[in-house]
Amino acid sequence: MVARVEDIGRLPDWPRMLSRDQAAAYLGVSVGTFTREVAAGQWPQPLDRGRRKTWDRFALDRTLDERMGVAFGAAGGEDRELDNELAEWKRRLGKG
């Protein structure tokens, strides 16, 4: 699934957690390209939900902002703090 111009009207209603196909479409690339870029570390790893893996749309946005050199506003510090809390939580669960 690749985002097409005719899909633009539906863009604001993306869910928070995206499947591989949705994440690729959200970023405007093919599923194969997205899969290769995740494996290469260019995008965050998915949340493993048993048989299903999903990507956090906000994490994709933050990663893209960082890759594009977009400066973070005041919320950027809060995001990093939340990222640190999430990493600590995963460490305690033995998942990170």
PDB file of N, CA and C in Angstrom:
ATOM      1  N   MET A   1       0.848  -1.168   0.000  1.00  0.00           N
ATOM      2  CA  MET A   1       0.000   0.000   0.000  1.00  0.00           C
ATOM      3  C   MET A   1       0.898   1.236   0.000  1.00  0.00           C
ATOM      4  N   VAL A   2       0.716   2.103  -0.968  1.00  0.00           N
ATOM      5  CA  VAL A   2       1.447   3.365  -1.042  1.00  0.00           C
ATOM      6  C   VAL A   2       0.414   4.482  -1.082  1.00  0.00           C
ATOM      7  N   ALA A   3       0.661   5.543  -0.333  1.00  0.00           N
ATOM      8  CA  ALA A   3      -0.273   6.671  -0.321  1.00  0.00           C
ATOM      9  C   ALA A   3      -0.334   7.277  -1.722  1.00  0.00           C
ATOM     10  N   ARG A   4      -1.535   7.545  -2.165  1.00  0.00           N
ATOM     11  CA  ARG A   4      -1.735   8.163  -3.471  1.00  0.00           C
ATOM     12  C   ARG A   4      -2.379   9.523  -3.272  1.00  0.00           C
ATOM     13  N   VAL A   5      -2.315  10.354  -4.292  1.00  0.00           N
ATOM     14  CA  VAL A   5      -2.883  11.695  -4.207  1.00  0.00           C
ATOM     15  C   VAL A   5      -4.353  11.631  -3.827  1.00  0.00           C
ATOM     16  N   GLU A   6      -5.084  10.663  -4.363  1.00  0.00           N
ATOM     17  CA  GLU A   6      -6.517  10.564  -4.053  1.00  0.00           C
ATOM     18  C   GLU A   6      -6.782  10.165  -2.604  1.00  0.00           C
ATOM     19  N   ASP A   7      -5.751   9.692  -1.901  1.00  0.00           N
ATOM     20  CA  ASP A   7      -5.896   9.328  -0.493  1.00  0.00           C
ATOM     21  C   ASP A   7      -5.776  10.534   0.440  1.00  0.00           C
ATOM     22  N   ILE A   8      -5.333  11.659  -0.066  1.00  0.00           N
ATOM     23  CA  ILE A   8      -5.044  12.831   0.765  1.00  0.00           C
ATOM     24  C   ILE A   8      -6.241  13.228   1.626  1.00  0.00           C
ATOM     25  N   GLY A   9      -7.443  13.124   1.104  1.00  0.00           N
ATOM     26  CA  GLY A   9      -8.634  13.522   1.851  1.00  0.00           C
ATOM     27  C   GLY A   9      -8.847  12.717   3.120  1.00  0.00           C
ATOM     28  N   ARG A  10      -8.273  11.530   3.190  1.00  0.00           N
ATOM     29  CA  ARG A  10      -8.445  10.681   4.372  1.00  0.00           C
ATOM     30  C   ARG A  10      -7.273  10.783   5.358  1.00  0.00           C
ATOM     31  N   LEU A  11      -6.249  11.562   5.046  1.00  0.00           N
ATOM     32  CA  LEU A  11      -5.040  11.576   5.856  1.00  0.00           C
ATOM     33  C   LEU A  11      -5.207  12.011   7.309  1.00  0.00           C
ATOM     34  N   PRO A  12      -6.032  12.985   7.667  1.00  0.00           N
ATOM     35  CA  PRO A  12      -6.058  13.412   9.066  1.00  0.00           C
ATOM     36  C   PRO A  12      -6.563  12.353  10.042  1.00  0.00           C
ATOM     37  N   ASP A  13      -7.176  11.303   9.561  1.00  0.00           N
ATOM     38  CA  ASP A  13      -7.794  10.320  10.448  1.00  0.00           C
ATOM     39  C   ASP A  13      -6.950   9.064  10.640  1.00  0.00           C
ATOM     40  N   TRP A  14      -5.616   9.186  10.594  1.00  0.00           N
ATOM     41  CA  TRP A  14      -4.756   8.035  10.814  1.00  0.00           C
ATOM     42  C   TRP A  14      -4.883   7.590  12.268  1.00  0.00           C
ATOM     43  N   PRO A  15      -4.905   6.282  12.534  1.00  0.00           N
ATOM     44  CA  PRO A  15      -4.920   5.810  13.931  1.00  0.00           C
ATOM     45  C   PRO A  15      -3.558   6.051  14.578  1.00  0.00           C
ATOM     46  N   ARG A  16      -3.501   6.016  15.893  1.00  0.00           N
ATOM     47  CA  ARG A  16      -2.234   6.223  16.618  1.00  0.00           C
ATOM     48  C   ARG A  16      -1.265   5.080  16.335  1.00  0.00           C
ATOM     49  N   MET A  17      -1.738   3.849  16.418  1.00  0.00           N
ATOM     50  CA  MET A  17      -0.887   2.682  16.179  1.00  0.00           C
ATOM     51  C   MET A  17      -1.151   2.168  14.766  1.00  0.00           C
ATOM     52  N   LEU A  18      -0.074   1.999  13.992  1.00  0.00           N
ATOM     53  CA  LEU A  18      -0.184   1.671  12.579  1.00  0.00           C
ATOM     54  C   LEU A  18       0.379   0.285  12.277  1.00  0.00           C
ATOM     55  N   SER A  19      -0.308  -0.437  11.405  1.00  0.00           N
ATOM     56  CA  SER A  19       0.233  -1.697  10.909  1.00  0.00           C
ATOM     57  C   SER A  19       1.416  -1.380   9.993  1.00  0.00           C
ATOM     58  N   ARG A  20       2.136  -2.403   9.571  1.00  0.00           N
ATOM     59  CA  ARG A  20       3.265  -2.194   8.643  1.00  0.00           C
ATOM     60  C   ARG A  20       2.778  -1.501   7.370  1.00  0.00           C
ATOM     61  N   ASP A  21       1.674  -1.974   6.799  1.00  0.00           N
ATOM     62  CA  ASP A  21       1.138  -1.372   5.576  1.00  0.00           C
ATOM     63  C   ASP A  21       0.753   0.083   5.807  1.00  0.00           C
ATOM     64  N   GLN A  22       0.084   0.350   6.928  1.00  0.00           N
ATOM     65  CA  GLN A  22      -0.338   1.714   7.231  1.00  0.00           C
ATOM     66  C   GLN A  22       0.861   2.628   7.463  1.00  0.00           C
ATOM     67  N   ALA A  23       1.862   2.134   8.198  1.00  0.00           N
ATOM     68  CA  ALA A  23       3.045   2.951   8.474  1.00  0.00           C
ATOM     69  C   ALA A  23       3.766   3.305   7.176  1.00  0.00           C
ATOM     70  N   ALA A  24       3.879   2.333   6.285  1.00  0.00           N
ATOM     71  CA  ALA A  24       4.525   2.600   4.992  1.00  0.00           C
ATOM     72  C   ALA A  24       3.736   3.652   4.218  1.00  0.00           C
ATOM     73  N   ALA A  25       2.410   3.499   4.176  1.00  0.00           N
ATOM     74  CA  ALA A  25       1.573   4.471   3.466  1.00  0.00           C
ATOM     75  C   ALA A  25       1.670   5.850   4.119  1.00  0.00           C
ATOM     76  N   TYR A  26       1.689   5.890   5.440  1.00  0.00           N
ATOM     77  CA  TYR A  26       1.792   7.151   6.178  1.00  0.00           C
ATOM     78  C   TYR A  26       3.069   7.892   5.802  1.00  0.00           C
ATOM     79  N   LEU A  27       4.151   7.134   5.603  1.00  0.00           N
ATOM     80  CA  LEU A  27       5.434   7.738   5.237  1.00  0.00           C
ATOM     81  C   LEU A  27       5.596   7.914   3.735  1.00  0.00           C
ATOM     82  N   GLY A  28       4.654   7.380   2.962  1.00  0.00           N
ATOM     83  CA  GLY A  28       4.688   7.566   1.514  1.00  0.00           C
ATOM     84  C   GLY A  28       5.689   6.679   0.794  1.00  0.00           C
ATOM     85  N   VAL A  29       5.962   5.503   1.374  1.00  0.00           N
ATOM     86  CA  VAL A  29       6.895   4.565   0.749  1.00  0.00           C
ATOM     87  C   VAL A  29       6.220   3.205   0.622  1.00  0.00           C
ATOM     88  N   SER A  30       6.850   2.329  -0.145  1.00  0.00           N
ATOM     89  CA  SER A  30       6.307   0.971  -0.276  1.00  0.00           C
ATOM     90  C   SER A  30       6.564   0.192   1.010  1.00  0.00           C
ATOM     91  N   VAL A  31       5.827  -0.895   1.181  1.00  0.00           N
ATOM     92  CA  VAL A  31       6.006  -1.752   2.349  1.00  0.00           C
ATOM     93  C   VAL A  31       7.428  -2.320   2.360  1.00  0.00           C
ATOM     94  N   GLY A  32       7.934  -2.706   1.195  1.00  0.00           N
ATOM     95  CA  GLY A  32       9.292  -3.241   1.112  1.00  0.00           C
ATOM     96  C   GLY A  32      10.340  -2.224   1.544  1.00  0.00           C
ATOM     97  N   THR A  33      10.185  -0.989   1.087  1.00  0.00           N
ATOM     98  CA  THR A  33      11.117   0.074   1.472  1.00  0.00           C
ATOM     99  C   THR A  33      11.044   0.322   2.966  1.00  0.00           C
ATOM    100  N   PHE A  34       9.829   0.393   3.505  1.00  0.00           N
ATOM    101  CA  PHE A  34       9.670   0.619   4.943  1.00  0.00           C
ATOM    102  C   PHE A  34      10.315  -0.517   5.731  1.00  0.00           C
ATOM    103  N   THR A  35      10.089  -1.754   5.318  1.00  0.00           N
ATOM    104  CA  THR A  35      10.649  -2.917   6.007  1.00  0.00           C
ATOM    105  C   THR A  35      12.178  -2.854   6.004  1.00  0.00           C
ATOM    106  N   ARG A  36      12.769  -2.528   4.860  1.00  0.00           N
ATOM    107  CA  ARG A  36      14.235  -2.420   4.774  1.00  0.00           C
ATOM    108  C   ARG A  36      14.755  -1.287   5.657  1.00  0.00           C
ATOM    109  N   GLU A  37      14.057  -0.156   5.671  1.00  0.00           N
ATOM    110  CA  GLU A  37      14.505   0.985   6.468  1.00  0.00           C
ATOM    111  C   GLU A  37      14.376   0.716   7.968  1.00  0.00           C
ATOM    112  N   VAL A  38      13.343  -0.026   8.374  1.00  0.00           N
ATOM    113  CA  VAL A  38      13.217  -0.414   9.794  1.00  0.00           C
ATOM    114  C   VAL A  38      14.381  -1.334  10.155  1.00  0.00           C
ATOM    115  N   ALA A  39      14.667  -2.317   9.301  1.00  0.00           N
ATOM    116  CA  ALA A  39      15.764  -3.252   9.559  1.00  0.00           C
ATOM    117  C   ALA A  39      17.112  -2.530   9.633  1.00  0.00           C
ATOM    118  N   ALA A  40      17.248  -1.443   8.861  1.00  0.00           N
ATOM    119  CA  ALA A  40      18.499  -0.675   8.845  1.00  0.00           C
ATOM    120  C   ALA A  40      18.577   0.323  10.004  1.00  0.00           C
ATOM    121  N   GLY A  41      17.519   0.393  10.818  1.00  0.00           N
ATOM    122  CA  GLY A  41      17.529   1.293  11.964  1.00  0.00           C
ATOM    123  C   GLY A  41      17.119   2.725  11.654  1.00  0.00           C
ATOM    124  N   GLN A  42      16.562   2.952  10.461  1.00  0.00           N
ATOM    125  CA  GLN A  42      16.155   4.303  10.090  1.00  0.00           C
ATOM    126  C   GLN A  42      14.813   4.694  10.698  1.00  0.00           C
ATOM    127  N   TRP A  43      14.029   3.693  11.114  1.00  0.00           N
ATOM    128  CA  TRP A  43      12.735   3.930  11.754  1.00  0.00           C
ATOM    129  C   TRP A  43      12.681   3.134  13.040  1.00  0.00           C
ATOM    130  N   PRO A  44      11.833   3.541  13.986  1.00  0.00           N
ATOM    131  CA  PRO A  44      11.737   2.794  15.250  1.00  0.00           C
ATOM    132  C   PRO A  44      11.252   1.366  15.030  1.00  0.00           C
ATOM    133  N   GLN A  45      11.615   0.510  15.948  1.00  0.00           N
ATOM    134  CA  GLN A  45      11.120  -0.861  15.933  1.00  0.00           C
ATOM    135  C   GLN A  45       9.642  -0.851  16.334  1.00  0.00           C
ATOM    136  N   PRO A  46       8.890  -1.850  15.890  1.00  0.00           N
ATOM    137  CA  PRO A  46       7.464  -1.894  16.229  1.00  0.00           C
ATOM    138  C   PRO A  46       7.229  -2.354  17.660  1.00  0.00           C
ATOM    139  N   LEU A  47       6.040  -2.091  18.133  1.00  0.00           N
ATOM    140  CA  LEU A  47       5.574  -2.644  19.395  1.00  0.00           C
ATOM    141  C   LEU A  47       5.071  -4.045  19.087  1.00  0.00           C
ATOM    142  N   ASP A  48       5.609  -5.024  19.764  1.00  0.00           N
ATOM    143  CA  ASP A  48       5.220  -6.416  19.537  1.00  0.00           C
ATOM    144  C   ASP A  48       3.967  -6.698  20.352  1.00  0.00           C
ATOM    145  N   ARG A  49       2.860  -6.950  19.667  1.00  0.00           N
ATOM    146  CA  ARG A  49       1.580  -7.192  20.326  1.00  0.00           C
ATOM    147  C   ARG A  49       1.143  -8.629  20.089  1.00  0.00           C
ATOM    148  N   GLY A  50       2.068  -9.549  20.319  1.00  0.00           N
ATOM    149  CA  GLY A  50       1.757 -10.955  20.055  1.00  0.00           C
ATOM    150  C   GLY A  50       1.966 -11.261  18.596  1.00  0.00           C
ATOM    151  N   ARG A  51       0.913 -11.617  17.916  1.00  0.00           N
ATOM    152  CA  ARG A  51       1.018 -11.945  16.488  1.00  0.00           C
ATOM    153  C   ARG A  51       1.019 -10.705  15.608  1.00  0.00           C
ATOM    154  N   ARG A  52       0.826  -9.564  16.206  1.00  0.00           N
ATOM    155  CA  ARG A  52       0.723  -8.321  15.424  1.00  0.00           C
ATOM    156  C   ARG A  52       1.785  -7.334  15.896  1.00  0.00           C
ATOM    157  N   LYS A  53       2.411  -6.666  14.955  1.00  0.00           N
ATOM    158  CA  LYS A  53       3.373  -5.619  15.271  1.00  0.00           C
ATOM    159  C   LYS A  53       2.795  -4.297  14.782  1.00  0.00           C
ATOM    160  N   THR A  54       2.924  -3.268  15.611  1.00  0.00           N
ATOM    161  CA  THR A  54       2.407  -1.955  15.229  1.00  0.00           C
ATOM    162  C   THR A  54       3.442  -0.884  15.525  1.00  0.00           C
ATOM    163  N   TRP A  55       3.363   0.202  14.766  1.00  0.00           N
ATOM    164  CA  TRP A  55       4.259   1.346  14.926  1.00  0.00           C
ATOM    165  C   TRP A  55       3.472   2.523  15.464  1.00  0.00           C
ATOM    166  N   ASP A  56       4.076   3.230  16.407  1.00  0.00           N
ATOM    167  CA  ASP A  56       3.474   4.426  16.985  1.00  0.00           C
ATOM    168  C   ASP A  56       3.661   5.578  15.995  1.00  0.00           C
ATOM    169  N   ARG A  57       2.570   6.138  15.550  1.00  0.00           N
ATOM    170  CA  ARG A  57       2.615   7.233  14.576  1.00  0.00           C
ATOM    171  C   ARG A  57       3.420   8.417  15.109  1.00  0.00           C
ATOM    172  N   PHE A  58       3.301   8.697  16.424  1.00  0.00           N
ATOM    173  CA  PHE A  58       4.036   9.815  17.012  1.00  0.00           C
ATOM    174  C   PHE A  58       5.546   9.542  16.982  1.00  0.00           C
ATOM    175  N   ALA A  59       5.939   8.289  17.207  1.00  0.00           N
ATOM    176  CA  ALA A  59       7.365   7.938  17.154  1.00  0.00           C
ATOM    177  C   ALA A  59       7.899   8.088  15.728  1.00  0.00           C
ATOM    178  N   LEU A  60       7.073   7.723  14.740  1.00  0.00           N
ATOM    179  CA  LEU A  60       7.478   7.921  13.345  1.00  0.00           C
ATOM    180  C   LEU A  60       7.643   9.405  13.052  1.00  0.00           C
ATOM    181  N   ASP A  61       6.708  10.219  13.550  1.00  0.00           N
ATOM    182  CA  ASP A  61       6.802  11.668  13.344  1.00  0.00           C
ATOM    183  C   ASP A  61       8.078  12.229  13.967  1.00  0.00           C
ATOM    184  N   ARG A  62       8.366  11.832  15.206  1.00  0.00           N
ATOM    185  CA  ARG A  62       9.566  12.334  15.896  1.00  0.00           C
ATOM    186  C   ARG A  62      10.832  11.923  15.151  1.00  0.00           C
ATOM    187  N   THR A  63      10.855  10.661  14.687  1.00  0.00           N
ATOM    188  CA  THR A  63      12.022  10.178  13.954  1.00  0.00           C
ATOM    189  C   THR A  63      12.212  10.968  12.665  1.00  0.00           C
ATOM    190  N   LEU A  64      11.136  11.215  11.957  1.00  0.00           N
ATOM    191  CA  LEU A  64      11.231  11.996  10.725  1.00  0.00           C
ATOM    192  C   LEU A  64      11.683  13.417  11.021  1.00  0.00           C
ATOM    193  N   ASP A  65      11.133  14.024  12.080  1.00  0.00           N
ATOM    194  CA  ASP A  65      11.567  15.373  12.464  1.00  0.00           C
ATOM    195  C   ASP A  65      13.073  15.406  12.728  1.00  0.00           C
ATOM    196  N   GLU A  66      13.566  14.406  13.458  1.00  0.00           N
ATOM    197  CA  GLU A  66      14.998  14.342  13.750  1.00  0.00           C
ATOM    198  C   GLU A  66      15.809  14.175  12.466  1.00  0.00           C
ATOM    199  N   ARG A  67      15.356  13.308  11.568  1.00  0.00           N
ATOM    200  CA  ARG A  67      16.075  13.080  10.303  1.00  0.00           C
ATOM    201  C   ARG A  67      16.091  14.335   9.433  1.00  0.00           C
ATOM    202  N   MET A  68      15.025  15.124   9.519  1.00  0.00           N
ATOM    203  CA  MET A  68      14.926  16.333   8.706  1.00  0.00           C
ATOM    204  C   MET A  68      15.561  17.548   9.385  1.00  0.00           C
ATOM    205  N   GLY A  69      16.006  17.372  10.636  1.00  0.00           N
ATOM    206  CA  GLY A  69      16.630  18.481  11.346  1.00  0.00           C
ATOM    207  C   GLY A  69      15.638  19.500  11.858  1.00  0.00           C
ATOM    208  N   VAL A  70      14.397  19.086  12.050  1.00  0.00           N
ATOM    209  CA  VAL A  70      13.374  19.988  12.564  1.00  0.00           C
ATOM    210  C   VAL A  70      13.636  20.207  14.053  1.00  0.00           C
ATOM    211  N   ALA A  71      13.702  21.462  14.455  1.00  0.00           N
ATOM    212  CA  ALA A  71      13.954  21.777  15.865  1.00  0.00           C
ATOM    213  C   ALA A  71      12.716  21.464  16.683  1.00  0.00           C
ATOM    214  N   PHE A  72      12.945  20.931  17.865  1.00  0.00           N
ATOM    215  CA  PHE A  72      11.854  20.639  18.771  1.00  0.00           C
ATOM    216  C   PHE A  72      11.524  21.893  19.553  1.00  0.00           C
ATOM    217  N   GLY A  73      10.237  22.095  19.814  1.00  0.00           N
ATOM    218  CA  GLY A  73       9.805  23.181  20.679  1.00  0.00           C
ATOM    219  C   GLY A  73       9.830  22.714  22.115  1.00  0.00           C
ATOM    220  N   ALA A  74       9.057  23.354  22.960  1.00  0.00           N
ATOM    221  CA  ALA A  74       9.019  22.988  24.377  1.00  0.00           C
ATOM    222  C   ALA A  74       8.574  21.547  24.557  1.00  0.00           C
ATOM    223  N   ALA A  75       7.693  21.082  23.694  1.00  0.00           N
ATOM    224  CA  ALA A  75       7.192  19.713  23.814  1.00  0.00           C
ATOM    225  C   ALA A  75       8.286  18.689  23.550  1.00  0.00           C
ATOM    226  N   GLY A  76       9.339  19.074  22.818  1.00  0.00           N
ATOM    227  CA  GLY A  76      10.415  18.137  22.520  1.00  0.00           C
ATOM    228  C   GLY A  76      11.043  17.578  23.775  1.00  0.00           C
ATOM    229  N   GLY A  77      11.286  18.427  24.765  1.00  0.00           N
ATOM    230  CA  GLY A  77      11.852  17.960  26.026  1.00  0.00           C
ATOM    231  C   GLY A  77      10.917  17.002  26.724  1.00  0.00           C
ATOM    232  N   GLU A  78       9.626  17.304  26.684  1.00  0.00           N
ATOM    233  CA  GLU A  78       8.642  16.412  27.286  1.00  0.00           C
ATOM    234  C   GLU A  78       8.631  15.071  26.570  1.00  0.00           C
ATOM    235  N   ASP A  79       8.739  15.098  25.235  1.00  0.00           N
ATOM    236  CA  ASP A  79       8.765  13.857  24.465  1.00  0.00           C
ATOM    237  C   ASP A  79       9.960  13.015  24.861  1.00  0.00           C
ATOM    238  N   ARG A  80      11.126  13.636  25.004  1.00  0.00           N
ATOM    239  CA  ARG A  80      12.321  12.884  25.377  1.00  0.00           C
ATOM    240  C   ARG A  80      12.167  12.297  26.782  1.00  0.00           C
ATOM    241  N   GLU A  81      11.553  13.053  27.669  1.00  0.00           N
ATOM    242  CA  GLU A  81      11.320  12.545  29.021  1.00  0.00           C
ATOM    243  C   GLU A  81      10.401  11.328  28.979  1.00  0.00           C
ATOM    244  N   LEU A  82       9.349  11.407  28.168  1.00  0.00           N
ATOM    245  CA  LEU A  82       8.438  10.263  28.026  1.00  0.00           C
ATOM    246  C   LEU A  82       9.150   9.079  27.390  1.00  0.00           C
ATOM    247  N   ASP A  83      10.019   9.350  26.404  1.00  0.00           N
ATOM    248  CA  ASP A  83      10.786   8.278  25.783  1.00  0.00           C
ATOM    249  C   ASP A  83      11.677   7.592  26.815  1.00  0.00           C
ATOM    250  N   ASN A  84      12.299   8.380  27.690  1.00  0.00           N
ATOM    251  CA  ASN A  84      13.150   7.811  28.738  1.00  0.00           C
ATOM    252  C   ASN A  84      12.328   6.967  29.707  1.00  0.00           C
ATOM    253  N   GLU A  85      11.136   7.444  30.067  1.00  0.00           N
ATOM    254  CA  GLU A  85      10.270   6.677  30.958  1.00  0.00           C
ATOM    255  C   GLU A  85       9.853   5.357  30.307  1.00  0.00           C
ATOM    256  N   LEU A  86       9.529   5.400  29.012  1.00  0.00           N
ATOM    257  CA  LEU A  86       9.147   4.188  28.293  1.00  0.00           C
ATOM    258  C   LEU A  86      10.314   3.204  28.250  1.00  0.00           C
ATOM    259  N   ALA A  87      11.517   3.706  27.988  1.00  0.00           N
ATOM    260  CA  ALA A  87      12.696   2.844  27.941  1.00  0.00           C
ATOM    261  C   ALA A  87      12.935   2.183  29.301  1.00  0.00           C
ATOM    262  N   GLU A  88      12.759   2.942  30.377  1.00  0.00           N
ATOM    263  CA  GLU A  88      12.939   2.393  31.720  1.00  0.00           C
ATOM    264  C   GLU A  88      11.888   1.315  32.005  1.00  0.00           C
ATOM    265  N   TRP A  89      10.660   1.574  31.619  1.00  0.00           N
ATOM    266  CA  TRP A  89       9.577   0.606  31.801  1.00  0.00           C
ATOM    267  C   TRP A  89       9.892  -0.691  31.045  1.00  0.00           C
ATOM    268  N   LYS A  90      10.376  -0.557  29.799  1.00  0.00           N
ATOM    269  CA  LYS A  90      10.721  -1.745  29.024  1.00  0.00           C
ATOM    270  C   LYS A  90      11.874  -2.500  29.659  1.00  0.00           C
ATOM    271  N   ARG A  91      12.868  -1.772  30.197  1.00  0.00           N
ATOM    272  CA  ARG A  91      13.982  -2.432  30.879  1.00  0.00           C
ATOM    273  C   ARG A  91      13.494  -3.246  32.068  1.00  0.00           C
ATOM    274  N   ARG A  92      12.567  -2.654  32.839  1.00  0.00           N
ATOM    275  CA  ARG A  92      12.040  -3.375  34.005  1.00  0.00           C
ATOM    276  C   ARG A  92      11.278  -4.620  33.597  1.00  0.00           C
ATOM    277  N   LEU A  93      10.638  -4.579  32.444  1.00  0.00           N
ATOM    278  CA  LEU A  93       9.904  -5.755  31.955  1.00  0.00           C
ATOM    279  C   LEU A  93      10.817  -6.747  31.236  1.00  0.00           C
ATOM    280  N   GLY A  94      12.067  -6.361  31.061  1.00  0.00           N
ATOM    281  CA  GLY A  94      13.003  -7.216  30.346  1.00  0.00           C
ATOM    282  C   GLY A  94      12.811  -7.204  28.859  1.00  0.00           C
ATOM    283  N   LYS A  95      12.242  -6.107  28.310  1.00  0.00           N
ATOM    284  CA  LYS A  95      11.970  -6.025  26.875  1.00  0.00           C
ATOM    285  C   LYS A  95      12.822  -4.963  26.197  1.00  0.00           C
ATOM    286  N   GLY A  96      13.807  -4.429  26.861  1.00  0.00           N
ATOM    287  CA  GLY A  96      14.560  -3.373  26.196  1.00  0.00           C
ATOM    288  C   GLY A  96      15.923  -3.218  26.612  1.00  0.00           C
TER     289      GLY A  96
END
